[in-house]
Structures are given as structure tokens and as C-alpha cells.
Amino acid sequence: LAADTHHRVRSYNFDELTDQNILHEDHPVMTFCVNKADRLALLNVATQGVHLWDLQDKVLVRKFQGVTQGHFTIHSCFGGVNQDFVASGSEDNKVYVWHMKRELPIATLCGHSRTVNCVAWNPVYHSMLASVSDDYTVRIWGPAQQYRTSPSLFKPGFSGDGSPSPSSNGTSWPDMVS
């Protein structure tokens, strides 16, 4: 799969030398990623935000709300044990986290001072999220001390921002820390 300058995501079969349109947006596709099942795609669309597409049915499933997406390259990702969550950086210096079935964020993480370009879930510790910003910092986010299942995963002394966030079992934490 690849995005092109015509606002499309296309598939290419190099064995058969064929290609086909998978989906089309009204604005440029800045970045995209596909879930582990190769069924869903997250697109960061210029001036539109984060869109969730079903690649098999070729239908727009959801437009996630809250994120500011102008013309910077921002990478989103799927996360959690079953990839039931979506996270994205934003041009408003925040990290947004959504449950796949909800358009409104379940967490807004503050702490960066410039655009957050990329986020990534830890593939082993599903409650751990990393974010990278134009402020030259990498932040590691996870549940506040009282909600940790393994205290050794995080350094003590961090403070949360009071926002709810996802856990690996689908519940929410009242605090995230970085």
C-alpha cells in the first residue's frame, strides 16, 4: 500500500504488475498505518485529522475528533492488547488517545511544548505509550503509580495530568504520567 499525490491509498502487486485504488480522501494523506490484521488503516489527513478506514469494505469508519492536523507530518498508531485504541500526536502540542469505537478522545496528554509528530505503543507493555515532539523531547506515558500492575516499569516521582486513558483491559485510568 502507498499514498499518492492524488489523495489516494493504492495497492500494488509487483508479481502481477497490477495496481488498484483502495480509498480516496478529499485532502492529502500525510501518513498512514495499518493494523495487525491488515483490515483497518489510520490516515493522518492534512487539515482534517485522523481517519479510520476499513480496507476490505473500502469505507470510512470514523473521523476522530480533537486532534489539530494542519500541514505537518504527524504519525498515528493502533495500540493496546487487541489494538482497540488509537493514539496520535497533534499540532496543538498534545497527544490524543481514543477507543476505536469512539470519535471523542478518552485522553488528552499534555506535556510537550511544540508539535507532537509521532506516537508509538509499546508492543510488550500495552499500557505504555511514547511520544516525540518538535520540542526535542521523547515522553513515555503510562498509568499513574496507583494503577500500575508492575511498579518497576516506570520511574517513581512522575505526576499525572488528570486525564483518563486506556488500559490493556479496556478500562480507564484517571491519570497518565510522563
N, C-alpha and C. Protein backbone atom coordinates (compact mmCIF):
# COMPACT_ATOMS: atom_id res chain seq x y z
N LEU A 1 0.84 -1.19 0.00
CA LEU A 1 0.00 0.00 0.00
C LEU A 1 0.88 1.24 0.00
N ALA A 2 0.39 2.28 -0.66
CA ALA A 2 1.10 3.56 -0.69
C ALA A 2 0.10 4.68 -0.91
N ALA A 3 0.38 5.84 -0.33
CA ALA A 3 -0.42 7.03 -0.58
C ALA A 3 0.22 7.79 -1.72
N ASP A 4 -0.61 8.51 -2.49
CA ASP A 4 -0.07 9.28 -3.61
C ASP A 4 -0.51 10.74 -3.54
N THR A 5 -0.08 11.53 -4.50
CA THR A 5 -0.38 12.96 -4.51
C THR A 5 -1.80 13.27 -4.95
N HIS A 6 -2.57 12.26 -5.29
CA HIS A 6 -3.97 12.45 -5.68
C HIS A 6 -4.92 12.11 -4.54
N HIS A 7 -4.40 12.07 -3.31
CA HIS A 7 -5.18 11.85 -2.09
C HIS A 7 -5.71 10.43 -1.99
N ARG A 8 -5.03 9.49 -2.61
CA ARG A 8 -5.48 8.10 -2.62
C ARG A 8 -4.50 7.21 -1.86
N VAL A 9 -5.03 6.08 -1.39
CA VAL A 9 -4.20 4.97 -0.95
C VAL A 9 -4.43 3.87 -1.98
N ARG A 10 -3.33 3.35 -2.52
CA ARG A 10 -3.41 2.36 -3.59
C ARG A 10 -2.64 1.11 -3.20
N SER A 11 -3.05 -0.02 -3.75
CA SER A 11 -2.30 -1.26 -3.54
C SER A 11 -1.58 -1.60 -4.83
N TYR A 12 -0.41 -2.21 -4.66
CA TYR A 12 0.43 -2.57 -5.81
C TYR A 12 0.82 -4.03 -5.68
N ASN A 13 0.62 -4.79 -6.75
CA ASN A 13 1.04 -6.19 -6.81
C ASN A 13 2.18 -6.26 -7.81
N PHE A 14 3.40 -6.39 -7.31
CA PHE A 14 4.56 -6.36 -8.18
C PHE A 14 4.77 -7.68 -8.92
N ASP A 15 4.20 -8.77 -8.41
CA ASP A 15 4.29 -10.05 -9.13
C ASP A 15 3.47 -10.02 -10.41
N GLU A 16 2.28 -9.43 -10.30
CA GLU A 16 1.38 -9.39 -11.46
C GLU A 16 1.42 -8.04 -12.17
N LEU A 17 2.21 -7.09 -11.62
CA LEU A 17 2.31 -5.74 -12.18
C LEU A 17 0.94 -5.07 -12.31
N THR A 18 0.17 -5.14 -11.21
CA THR A 18 -1.15 -4.51 -11.18
C THR A 18 -1.22 -3.55 -10.01
N ASP A 19 -2.15 -2.62 -10.10
CA ASP A 19 -2.41 -1.70 -9.00
C ASP A 19 -3.90 -1.38 -8.99
N GLN A 20 -4.37 -0.92 -7.82
CA GLN A 20 -5.78 -0.54 -7.70
C GLN A 20 -5.96 0.48 -6.60
N ASN A 21 -6.99 1.31 -6.75
CA ASN A 21 -7.35 2.27 -5.71
C ASN A 21 -8.01 1.52 -4.56
N ILE A 22 -7.58 1.84 -3.34
CA ILE A 22 -8.19 1.27 -2.15
C ILE A 22 -9.15 2.28 -1.53
N LEU A 23 -8.71 3.53 -1.42
CA LEU A 23 -9.55 4.57 -0.85
C LEU A 23 -9.11 5.92 -1.39
N HIS A 24 -10.01 6.90 -1.22
CA HIS A 24 -9.74 8.25 -1.70
C HIS A 24 -10.21 9.25 -0.66
N GLU A 25 -9.36 10.20 -0.32
CA GLU A 25 -9.69 11.28 0.61
C GLU A 25 -9.85 12.58 -0.19
N ASP A 26 -10.46 13.59 0.42
CA ASP A 26 -10.62 14.89 -0.23
C ASP A 26 -9.41 15.79 -0.03
N HIS A 27 -8.51 15.41 0.87
CA HIS A 27 -7.32 16.20 1.18
C HIS A 27 -6.10 15.28 1.18
N PRO A 28 -4.90 15.84 1.15
CA PRO A 28 -3.68 15.00 1.10
C PRO A 28 -3.55 14.06 2.30
N VAL A 29 -3.16 12.83 2.02
CA VAL A 29 -2.85 11.85 3.05
C VAL A 29 -1.40 12.07 3.45
N MET A 30 -1.19 12.51 4.69
CA MET A 30 0.16 12.83 5.16
C MET A 30 0.91 11.56 5.57
N THR A 31 0.26 10.70 6.36
CA THR A 31 0.83 9.43 6.78
C THR A 31 -0.31 8.44 6.98
N PHE A 32 0.04 7.16 7.00
CA PHE A 32 -0.96 6.16 7.36
C PHE A 32 -0.27 4.92 7.90
N CYS A 33 -1.04 4.13 8.65
CA CYS A 33 -0.55 2.84 9.15
C CYS A 33 -1.71 1.86 9.10
N VAL A 34 -1.38 0.58 9.12
CA VAL A 34 -2.37 -0.49 9.02
C VAL A 34 -2.28 -1.34 10.29
N ASN A 35 -3.44 -1.81 10.77
CA ASN A 35 -3.42 -2.64 11.98
C ASN A 35 -2.86 -4.03 11.67
N LYS A 36 -2.64 -4.82 12.74
CA LYS A 36 -2.02 -6.14 12.58
C LYS A 36 -2.83 -7.09 11.70
N ALA A 37 -4.13 -6.93 11.68
CA ALA A 37 -4.99 -7.80 10.86
C ALA A 37 -5.03 -7.35 9.40
N ASP A 38 -4.38 -6.25 9.08
CA ASP A 38 -4.38 -5.68 7.72
C ASP A 38 -5.78 -5.31 7.24
N ARG A 39 -6.68 -5.08 8.16
CA ARG A 39 -8.07 -4.75 7.81
C ARG A 39 -8.35 -3.26 7.92
N LEU A 40 -7.76 -2.60 8.93
CA LEU A 40 -8.03 -1.19 9.20
C LEU A 40 -6.80 -0.34 8.94
N ALA A 41 -7.05 0.89 8.50
CA ALA A 41 -5.96 1.84 8.28
C ALA A 41 -6.28 3.15 8.99
N LEU A 42 -5.27 3.73 9.62
CA LEU A 42 -5.36 5.06 10.21
C LEU A 42 -4.67 6.02 9.27
N LEU A 43 -5.37 7.07 8.87
CA LEU A 43 -4.79 8.07 7.98
C LEU A 43 -4.73 9.40 8.70
N ASN A 44 -3.59 10.07 8.65
CA ASN A 44 -3.49 11.45 9.07
C ASN A 44 -3.67 12.28 7.80
N VAL A 45 -4.77 13.04 7.75
CA VAL A 45 -5.16 13.76 6.55
C VAL A 45 -4.98 15.25 6.79
N ALA A 46 -4.28 15.93 5.88
CA ALA A 46 -3.99 17.36 6.03
C ALA A 46 -5.27 18.15 6.27
N THR A 47 -5.25 18.97 7.29
CA THR A 47 -6.34 19.86 7.75
C THR A 47 -7.60 19.11 8.19
N GLN A 48 -7.57 17.80 8.24
CA GLN A 48 -8.77 17.02 8.58
C GLN A 48 -8.62 16.18 9.84
N GLY A 49 -7.41 15.79 10.20
CA GLY A 49 -7.21 14.97 11.38
C GLY A 49 -7.00 13.51 11.06
N VAL A 50 -7.43 12.65 11.98
CA VAL A 50 -7.18 11.21 11.90
C VAL A 50 -8.46 10.50 11.45
N HIS A 51 -8.33 9.72 10.37
CA HIS A 51 -9.47 8.97 9.83
C HIS A 51 -9.18 7.48 9.90
N LEU A 52 -10.21 6.71 10.25
CA LEU A 52 -10.12 5.25 10.31
C LEU A 52 -10.89 4.67 9.13
N TRP A 53 -10.19 3.87 8.32
CA TRP A 53 -10.79 3.24 7.13
C TRP A 53 -10.79 1.73 7.27
N ASP A 54 -11.85 1.10 6.76
CA ASP A 54 -11.89 -0.35 6.60
C ASP A 54 -11.39 -0.63 5.19
N LEU A 55 -10.23 -1.29 5.09
CA LEU A 55 -9.61 -1.53 3.79
C LEU A 55 -10.34 -2.58 2.97
N GLN A 56 -10.95 -3.53 3.64
CA GLN A 56 -11.65 -4.59 2.91
C GLN A 56 -12.95 -4.07 2.30
N ASP A 57 -13.73 -3.35 3.11
CA ASP A 57 -15.00 -2.82 2.63
C ASP A 57 -14.84 -1.47 1.93
N LYS A 58 -13.64 -0.89 2.01
CA LYS A 58 -13.32 0.40 1.38
C LYS A 58 -14.28 1.50 1.83
N VAL A 59 -14.45 1.59 3.15
CA VAL A 59 -15.38 2.56 3.71
C VAL A 59 -14.71 3.32 4.86
N LEU A 60 -15.02 4.62 4.96
CA LEU A 60 -14.56 5.43 6.08
C LEU A 60 -15.38 5.05 7.30
N VAL A 61 -14.72 4.58 8.35
CA VAL A 61 -15.40 4.10 9.55
C VAL A 61 -15.61 5.23 10.55
N ARG A 62 -14.58 6.07 10.74
CA ARG A 62 -14.65 7.07 11.80
C ARG A 62 -13.67 8.21 11.53
N LYS A 63 -14.09 9.41 11.95
CA LYS A 63 -13.20 10.58 11.96
C LYS A 63 -13.00 10.94 13.43
N PHE A 64 -11.79 10.73 13.92
CA PHE A 64 -11.51 11.01 15.32
C PHE A 64 -11.43 12.51 15.55
N GLN A 65 -12.03 12.97 16.65
CA GLN A 65 -12.14 14.40 16.95
C GLN A 65 -11.05 14.85 17.92
N GLY A 66 -10.72 16.14 17.87
CA GLY A 66 -9.84 16.75 18.85
C GLY A 66 -8.48 17.13 18.34
N VAL A 67 -7.87 16.28 17.54
CA VAL A 67 -6.51 16.50 17.09
C VAL A 67 -6.46 17.68 16.11
N THR A 68 -5.35 18.43 16.16
CA THR A 68 -5.11 19.51 15.21
C THR A 68 -4.11 19.01 14.18
N GLN A 69 -4.55 18.88 12.95
CA GLN A 69 -3.70 18.39 11.85
C GLN A 69 -3.72 19.45 10.75
N GLY A 70 -2.62 20.18 10.62
CA GLY A 70 -2.51 21.16 9.55
C GLY A 70 -1.71 20.59 8.41
N HIS A 71 -0.48 21.02 8.31
CA HIS A 71 0.36 20.57 7.20
C HIS A 71 1.65 19.90 7.65
N PHE A 72 1.80 19.66 8.95
CA PHE A 72 2.98 18.94 9.44
C PHE A 72 2.74 17.44 9.33
N THR A 73 3.82 16.70 9.24
CA THR A 73 3.73 15.24 9.20
C THR A 73 3.55 14.73 10.62
N ILE A 74 2.44 14.07 10.86
CA ILE A 74 2.13 13.50 12.17
C ILE A 74 1.76 12.04 11.97
N HIS A 75 2.31 11.18 12.81
CA HIS A 75 2.08 9.74 12.71
C HIS A 75 1.17 9.27 13.85
N SER A 76 0.16 8.51 13.51
CA SER A 76 -0.76 7.90 14.48
C SER A 76 -0.48 6.41 14.54
N CYS A 77 -1.11 5.74 15.51
CA CYS A 77 -0.89 4.29 15.61
C CYS A 77 -2.05 3.62 16.34
N PHE A 78 -2.14 2.31 16.13
CA PHE A 78 -3.05 1.45 16.88
C PHE A 78 -2.31 0.96 18.11
N GLY A 79 -3.04 0.68 19.21
CA GLY A 79 -2.38 0.18 20.40
C GLY A 79 -3.30 -0.57 21.33
N GLY A 80 -2.73 -1.04 22.43
CA GLY A 80 -3.44 -1.87 23.38
C GLY A 80 -3.31 -3.34 23.00
N VAL A 81 -3.72 -4.22 23.89
CA VAL A 81 -3.57 -5.66 23.68
C VAL A 81 -4.20 -6.10 22.36
N ASN A 82 -5.42 -5.66 22.08
CA ASN A 82 -6.13 -6.05 20.86
C ASN A 82 -6.17 -4.93 19.84
N GLN A 83 -5.29 -3.97 20.00
CA GLN A 83 -5.27 -2.78 19.14
C GLN A 83 -6.63 -2.10 19.12
N ASP A 84 -7.25 -1.99 20.30
CA ASP A 84 -8.55 -1.35 20.45
C ASP A 84 -8.44 0.15 20.64
N PHE A 85 -7.23 0.67 20.70
CA PHE A 85 -7.02 2.09 20.93
C PHE A 85 -6.25 2.71 19.78
N VAL A 86 -6.42 4.02 19.65
CA VAL A 86 -5.73 4.81 18.64
C VAL A 86 -5.07 5.97 19.35
N ALA A 87 -3.84 6.30 18.97
CA ALA A 87 -3.16 7.46 19.54
C ALA A 87 -2.59 8.29 18.40
N SER A 88 -2.52 9.59 18.63
CA SER A 88 -1.95 10.49 17.63
C SER A 88 -1.33 11.69 18.31
N GLY A 89 -0.28 12.20 17.70
CA GLY A 89 0.24 13.49 18.09
C GLY A 89 -0.65 14.57 17.49
N SER A 90 -0.29 15.82 17.75
CA SER A 90 -1.11 16.92 17.26
C SER A 90 -0.29 18.20 17.19
N GLU A 91 -0.72 19.12 16.34
CA GLU A 91 -0.04 20.40 16.22
C GLU A 91 -0.35 21.33 17.39
N ASP A 92 -1.26 20.95 18.28
CA ASP A 92 -1.54 21.75 19.48
C ASP A 92 -0.69 21.29 20.67
N ASN A 93 0.38 20.52 20.39
CA ASN A 93 1.37 20.08 21.39
C ASN A 93 0.86 18.97 22.31
N LYS A 94 -0.21 18.30 21.96
CA LYS A 94 -0.80 17.27 22.81
C LYS A 94 -0.77 15.91 22.14
N VAL A 95 -0.99 14.89 22.95
CA VAL A 95 -1.20 13.53 22.47
C VAL A 95 -2.66 13.19 22.75
N TYR A 96 -3.32 12.63 21.75
CA TYR A 96 -4.72 12.23 21.89
C TYR A 96 -4.82 10.72 21.83
N VAL A 97 -5.70 10.17 22.68
CA VAL A 97 -5.95 8.73 22.71
C VAL A 97 -7.46 8.52 22.60
N TRP A 98 -7.85 7.61 21.71
CA TRP A 98 -9.25 7.27 21.50
C TRP A 98 -9.44 5.77 21.64
N HIS A 99 -10.64 5.36 22.03
CA HIS A 99 -11.04 3.96 21.86
C HIS A 99 -11.52 3.86 20.41
N MET A 100 -11.28 2.73 19.78
CA MET A 100 -11.61 2.55 18.37
C MET A 100 -13.08 2.84 18.05
N LYS A 101 -13.96 2.63 19.01
CA LYS A 101 -15.39 2.77 18.75
C LYS A 101 -15.93 4.15 19.10
N ARG A 102 -15.04 5.09 19.46
CA ARG A 102 -15.50 6.42 19.86
C ARG A 102 -14.75 7.51 19.10
N GLU A 103 -15.47 8.52 18.68
CA GLU A 103 -14.85 9.62 17.95
C GLU A 103 -14.18 10.63 18.87
N LEU A 104 -14.68 10.76 20.10
CA LEU A 104 -14.10 11.72 21.04
C LEU A 104 -12.97 11.07 21.81
N PRO A 105 -11.91 11.84 22.11
CA PRO A 105 -10.77 11.25 22.82
C PRO A 105 -11.13 10.84 24.24
N ILE A 106 -10.53 9.74 24.69
CA ILE A 106 -10.68 9.33 26.08
C ILE A 106 -9.55 9.89 26.93
N ALA A 107 -8.51 10.40 26.27
CA ALA A 107 -7.40 11.03 26.99
C ALA A 107 -6.76 12.08 26.10
N THR A 108 -6.38 13.19 26.74
CA THR A 108 -5.59 14.24 26.10
C THR A 108 -4.39 14.45 27.00
N LEU A 109 -3.21 14.14 26.49
CA LEU A 109 -1.99 14.16 27.30
C LEU A 109 -1.19 15.41 26.99
N CYS A 110 -0.95 16.20 28.03
CA CYS A 110 -0.21 17.45 27.90
C CYS A 110 1.19 17.29 28.48
N GLY A 111 2.14 18.02 27.95
CA GLY A 111 3.50 17.96 28.47
C GLY A 111 4.53 18.42 27.46
N HIS A 112 4.22 18.32 26.19
CA HIS A 112 5.13 18.82 25.15
C HIS A 112 4.89 20.31 24.94
N SER A 113 5.89 21.01 24.44
CA SER A 113 5.75 22.45 24.20
C SER A 113 5.71 22.80 22.71
N ARG A 114 5.81 21.80 21.84
CA ARG A 114 5.69 22.03 20.39
C ARG A 114 4.94 20.85 19.77
N THR A 115 4.75 20.89 18.46
CA THR A 115 4.02 19.85 17.75
C THR A 115 4.51 18.45 18.12
N VAL A 116 3.57 17.55 18.38
CA VAL A 116 3.89 16.15 18.64
C VAL A 116 3.78 15.42 17.30
N ASN A 117 4.92 14.94 16.79
CA ASN A 117 4.99 14.37 15.45
C ASN A 117 4.65 12.90 15.37
N CYS A 118 4.94 12.15 16.44
CA CYS A 118 4.80 10.70 16.34
C CYS A 118 4.50 10.11 17.71
N VAL A 119 3.69 9.07 17.70
CA VAL A 119 3.40 8.30 18.91
C VAL A 119 3.56 6.83 18.58
N ALA A 120 3.89 6.03 19.59
CA ALA A 120 4.03 4.59 19.39
C ALA A 120 3.72 3.86 20.69
N TRP A 121 2.88 2.84 20.59
CA TRP A 121 2.58 1.98 21.73
C TRP A 121 3.70 0.98 21.90
N ASN A 122 4.00 0.64 23.15
CA ASN A 122 4.98 -0.40 23.42
C ASN A 122 4.35 -1.74 23.07
N PRO A 123 5.01 -2.57 22.26
CA PRO A 123 4.40 -3.84 21.85
C PRO A 123 4.36 -4.90 22.95
N VAL A 124 5.14 -4.71 24.02
CA VAL A 124 5.16 -5.67 25.13
C VAL A 124 4.31 -5.17 26.29
N TYR A 125 4.53 -3.92 26.70
CA TYR A 125 3.78 -3.31 27.79
C TYR A 125 2.70 -2.44 27.16
N HIS A 126 1.51 -3.00 26.98
CA HIS A 126 0.46 -2.37 26.19
C HIS A 126 -0.11 -1.10 26.81
N SER A 127 0.25 -0.81 28.04
CA SER A 127 -0.22 0.42 28.67
C SER A 127 0.82 1.54 28.58
N MET A 128 1.89 1.31 27.85
CA MET A 128 2.97 2.28 27.73
C MET A 128 2.97 2.88 26.32
N LEU A 129 3.04 4.21 26.26
CA LEU A 129 2.98 4.95 25.00
C LEU A 129 4.14 5.94 24.97
N ALA A 130 4.81 6.05 23.83
CA ALA A 130 5.88 7.03 23.66
C ALA A 130 5.41 8.11 22.70
N SER A 131 5.83 9.35 22.95
CA SER A 131 5.54 10.46 22.03
C SER A 131 6.81 11.25 21.77
N VAL A 132 6.91 11.77 20.55
CA VAL A 132 8.08 12.54 20.11
C VAL A 132 7.59 13.88 19.59
N SER A 133 8.33 14.94 19.94
CA SER A 133 7.87 16.29 19.62
C SER A 133 8.97 17.14 18.99
N ASP A 134 8.54 18.22 18.34
CA ASP A 134 9.47 19.22 17.83
C ASP A 134 10.16 19.99 18.95
N ASP A 135 9.78 19.74 20.20
CA ASP A 135 10.47 20.37 21.33
C ASP A 135 11.72 19.58 21.73
N TYR A 136 12.10 18.60 20.89
CA TYR A 136 13.31 17.79 21.07
C TYR A 136 13.21 16.84 22.26
N THR A 137 11.99 16.44 22.61
CA THR A 137 11.84 15.50 23.72
C THR A 137 11.07 14.26 23.28
N VAL A 138 11.34 13.18 23.99
CA VAL A 138 10.56 11.95 23.90
C VAL A 138 9.93 11.76 25.27
N ARG A 139 8.64 11.55 25.30
CA ARG A 139 7.96 11.30 26.58
C ARG A 139 7.40 9.90 26.57
N ILE A 140 7.52 9.25 27.72
CA ILE A 140 6.96 7.91 27.91
C ILE A 140 5.77 8.06 28.84
N TRP A 141 4.60 7.60 28.38
CA TRP A 141 3.36 7.75 29.12
C TRP A 141 2.88 6.39 29.62
N GLY A 142 2.30 6.40 30.79
CA GLY A 142 1.75 5.17 31.35
C GLY A 142 0.84 5.49 32.51
N PRO A 143 0.27 4.48 33.12
CA PRO A 143 -0.66 4.71 34.23
C PRO A 143 0.06 5.30 35.44
N ALA A 144 -0.67 6.11 36.18
CA ALA A 144 -0.14 6.66 37.43
C ALA A 144 0.18 5.52 38.39
N GLN A 145 1.01 5.80 39.38
CA GLN A 145 1.53 4.80 40.31
C GLN A 145 0.45 3.87 40.85
N GLN A 146 -0.67 4.42 41.29
CA GLN A 146 -1.69 3.59 41.93
C GLN A 146 -2.40 2.65 40.95
N TYR A 147 -2.19 2.82 39.64
CA TYR A 147 -2.85 1.97 38.64
C TYR A 147 -1.89 1.03 37.91
N ARG A 148 -0.65 1.02 38.33
CA ARG A 148 0.34 0.18 37.66
C ARG A 148 0.24 -1.26 38.13
N THR A 149 0.33 -2.18 37.19
CA THR A 149 0.36 -3.59 37.56
C THR A 149 1.78 -4.06 37.82
N SER A 150 2.77 -3.34 37.29
CA SER A 150 4.18 -3.66 37.51
C SER A 150 4.93 -2.38 37.82
N PRO A 151 5.15 -2.08 39.11
CA PRO A 151 5.77 -0.83 39.51
C PRO A 151 7.15 -0.59 38.90
N SER A 152 7.86 -1.64 38.52
CA SER A 152 9.22 -1.47 38.02
C SER A 152 9.27 -0.91 36.60
N LEU A 153 8.12 -0.81 35.93
CA LEU A 153 8.11 -0.32 34.55
C LEU A 153 8.29 1.18 34.44
N PHE A 154 8.01 1.91 35.52
CA PHE A 154 8.08 3.36 35.48
C PHE A 154 8.90 3.87 36.65
N LYS A 155 9.58 4.97 36.43
CA LYS A 155 10.36 5.59 37.50
C LYS A 155 9.41 6.32 38.44
N PRO A 156 9.68 6.29 39.75
CA PRO A 156 8.82 7.00 40.69
C PRO A 156 9.02 8.50 40.59
N GLY A 157 8.03 9.25 41.07
CA GLY A 157 8.16 10.70 41.16
C GLY A 157 7.55 11.46 40.01
N PHE A 158 6.95 10.78 39.04
CA PHE A 158 6.29 11.48 37.94
C PHE A 158 4.89 11.84 38.40
N SER A 159 4.31 12.87 37.80
CA SER A 159 2.95 13.25 38.16
C SER A 159 2.05 13.19 36.94
N GLY A 160 0.77 12.88 37.16
CA GLY A 160 -0.19 12.77 36.07
C GLY A 160 -0.86 14.08 35.77
N ASP A 161 -1.61 14.12 34.65
CA ASP A 161 -2.31 15.34 34.27
C ASP A 161 -3.82 15.26 34.53
N GLY A 162 -4.29 14.15 35.13
CA GLY A 162 -5.70 14.03 35.48
C GLY A 162 -6.60 13.54 34.37
N SER A 163 -6.03 13.22 33.19
CA SER A 163 -6.86 12.76 32.07
C SER A 163 -7.05 11.25 32.13
N PRO A 164 -8.24 10.76 31.76
CA PRO A 164 -8.40 9.31 31.67
C PRO A 164 -7.64 8.78 30.48
N SER A 165 -7.25 7.52 30.54
CA SER A 165 -6.53 6.93 29.42
C SER A 165 -6.77 5.43 29.40
N PRO A 166 -6.44 4.78 28.28
CA PRO A 166 -6.76 3.37 28.14
C PRO A 166 -5.83 2.46 28.90
N SER A 167 -6.35 1.36 29.33
CA SER A 167 -5.51 0.29 29.87
C SER A 167 -5.62 -0.89 28.93
N SER A 168 -4.85 -1.90 29.18
CA SER A 168 -4.85 -3.06 28.28
C SER A 168 -6.13 -3.88 28.39
N ASN A 169 -6.94 -3.67 29.42
CA ASN A 169 -8.16 -4.46 29.54
C ASN A 169 -9.42 -3.67 29.20
N GLY A 170 -9.27 -2.49 28.61
CA GLY A 170 -10.41 -1.72 28.15
C GLY A 170 -11.01 -0.78 29.18
N THR A 171 -10.46 -0.72 30.40
CA THR A 171 -10.95 0.23 31.39
C THR A 171 -10.14 1.51 31.27
N SER A 172 -10.41 2.47 32.16
CA SER A 172 -9.70 3.75 32.09
C SER A 172 -8.92 4.00 33.36
N TRP A 173 -7.83 4.73 33.22
CA TRP A 173 -7.09 5.22 34.37
C TRP A 173 -7.42 6.68 34.54
N PRO A 174 -7.52 7.17 35.76
CA PRO A 174 -7.74 8.59 35.93
C PRO A 174 -6.47 9.42 35.70
N ASP A 175 -5.32 8.80 35.65
CA ASP A 175 -4.09 9.56 35.49
C ASP A 175 -3.14 8.88 34.52
N MET A 176 -2.44 9.70 33.75
CA MET A 176 -1.33 9.23 32.93
C MET A 176 -0.11 10.01 33.39
N VAL A 177 1.04 9.42 33.29
CA VAL A 177 2.26 10.10 33.70
C VAL A 177 3.24 10.07 32.55
N SER A 178 4.13 11.03 32.57
CA SER A 178 5.22 11.02 31.59
C SER A 178 6.52 11.25 32.31
